[in-house]
């Protein structure tokens, strides 16, 4: 029998959040009938990535730490581009 401890729950929560991004992407693409990556995909990526990174740090797994850490940079950069695009440009003379 598997004992559910705090860190095991964190690990499964992170995996759930990370997996939700694919469900969100799939449902949005089906709704629009074309491939699309909604902003929620990146939010779930960050939430799942941070949670899984915490779990990886707890487990002291360097491969998992590097993988999740580098992924977080990519997810954050994509959110930056999305917000930069939505921000109105300031006209300077």
Protein backbone atom coordinates (compact mmCIF):
# COMPACT_ATOMS: atom_id res chain seq x y z
CA UNK A 1 0.00 0.00 0.00
CA UNK A 2 1.31 3.46 -0.95
CA UNK A 3 1.47 6.01 1.84
CA UNK A 4 0.28 9.38 0.56
CA UNK A 5 2.52 12.00 2.07
CA UNK A 6 2.61 15.74 1.48
CA UNK A 7 5.27 15.63 -1.26
CA UNK A 8 3.60 12.81 -3.13
CA UNK A 9 0.40 14.86 -3.20
CA UNK A 10 2.39 17.90 -4.43
CA UNK A 11 3.93 15.76 -7.18
CA UNK A 12 0.56 14.47 -8.35
CA UNK A 13 -0.96 17.97 -8.15
CA UNK A 14 1.86 19.33 -10.31
CA UNK A 15 1.39 16.54 -12.84
CA UNK A 16 -2.37 17.20 -12.91
CA UNK A 17 -1.87 20.93 -13.48
CA UNK A 18 0.74 20.27 -16.15
CA UNK A 19 -1.56 17.78 -17.91
CA UNK A 20 -4.51 20.20 -17.83
CA UNK A 21 -2.75 22.42 -20.33
CA UNK A 22 -3.14 19.74 -23.00
CA UNK A 23 -6.83 19.30 -22.20
CA UNK A 24 -7.39 23.07 -22.41
CA UNK A 25 -5.50 23.27 -25.71
CA UNK A 26 -7.37 20.33 -27.19
CA UNK A 27 -10.83 21.59 -26.17
CA UNK A 28 -10.13 25.10 -27.46
CA UNK A 29 -8.83 23.76 -30.77
CA UNK A 30 -11.89 21.52 -31.14
CA UNK A 31 -14.19 24.45 -30.39
CA UNK A 32 -12.56 26.69 -33.02
CA UNK A 33 -11.77 23.83 -35.43
CA UNK A 34 -8.12 24.84 -35.80
CA UNK A 35 -4.98 24.39 -33.77
CA UNK A 36 -4.62 27.12 -31.18
CA UNK A 37 -2.73 27.62 -27.95
CA UNK A 38 -4.87 29.61 -25.49
CA UNK A 39 -3.31 31.75 -22.74
CA UNK A 40 -4.63 29.25 -20.18
CA UNK A 41 -2.19 26.71 -21.66
CA UNK A 42 0.73 28.87 -20.50
CA UNK A 43 -0.83 29.50 -17.07
CA UNK A 44 -1.25 25.77 -16.53
CA UNK A 45 2.31 25.28 -17.81
CA UNK A 46 3.65 27.73 -15.21
CA UNK A 47 1.48 26.35 -12.38
CA UNK A 48 2.35 22.75 -13.17
CA UNK A 49 6.00 23.60 -13.79
CA UNK A 50 6.42 25.44 -10.48
CA UNK A 51 4.68 22.66 -8.56
CA UNK A 52 6.72 19.94 -10.28
CA UNK A 53 9.91 21.95 -9.75
CA UNK A 54 9.18 22.11 -6.02
CA UNK A 55 8.64 18.35 -6.02
CA UNK A 56 11.85 17.78 -8.01
CA UNK A 57 13.84 19.95 -5.60
CA UNK A 58 12.39 18.01 -2.68
CA UNK A 59 13.38 14.76 -4.38
CA UNK A 60 16.80 16.22 -5.23
CA UNK A 61 16.49 15.02 -8.82
CA UNK A 62 18.86 17.14 -10.93
CA UNK A 63 17.46 15.94 -14.27
CA UNK A 64 13.91 16.81 -13.25
CA UNK A 65 15.06 20.14 -11.73
CA UNK A 66 16.85 21.23 -14.93
CA UNK A 67 13.94 20.09 -17.09
CA UNK A 68 11.26 21.92 -15.12
CA UNK A 69 13.44 24.97 -14.49
CA UNK A 70 14.25 25.48 -18.16
CA UNK A 71 10.62 24.87 -19.12
CA UNK A 72 9.50 27.61 -16.73
CA UNK A 73 11.70 30.11 -18.56
CA UNK A 74 10.01 29.23 -21.85
CA UNK A 75 6.49 29.42 -20.38
CA UNK A 76 7.21 32.77 -18.72
CA UNK A 77 8.70 34.12 -21.95
CA UNK A 78 5.58 33.14 -23.90
CA UNK A 79 3.37 34.90 -21.33
CA UNK A 80 5.63 37.96 -21.61
CA UNK A 81 5.12 38.02 -25.40
CA UNK A 82 1.35 37.65 -24.99
CA UNK A 83 1.12 40.53 -22.51
CA UNK A 84 3.52 42.68 -24.54
CA UNK A 85 1.35 42.19 -27.63
CA UNK A 86 -1.83 43.15 -25.74
CA UNK A 87 -0.28 46.25 -24.18
CA UNK A 88 -1.04 49.42 -26.17
CA UNK A 89 2.06 50.98 -27.69
CA UNK A 90 3.07 54.35 -26.27
CA UNK A 91 3.80 56.92 -28.91
CA UNK A 92 6.94 58.88 -28.21
CA UNK A 93 7.98 61.80 -30.32
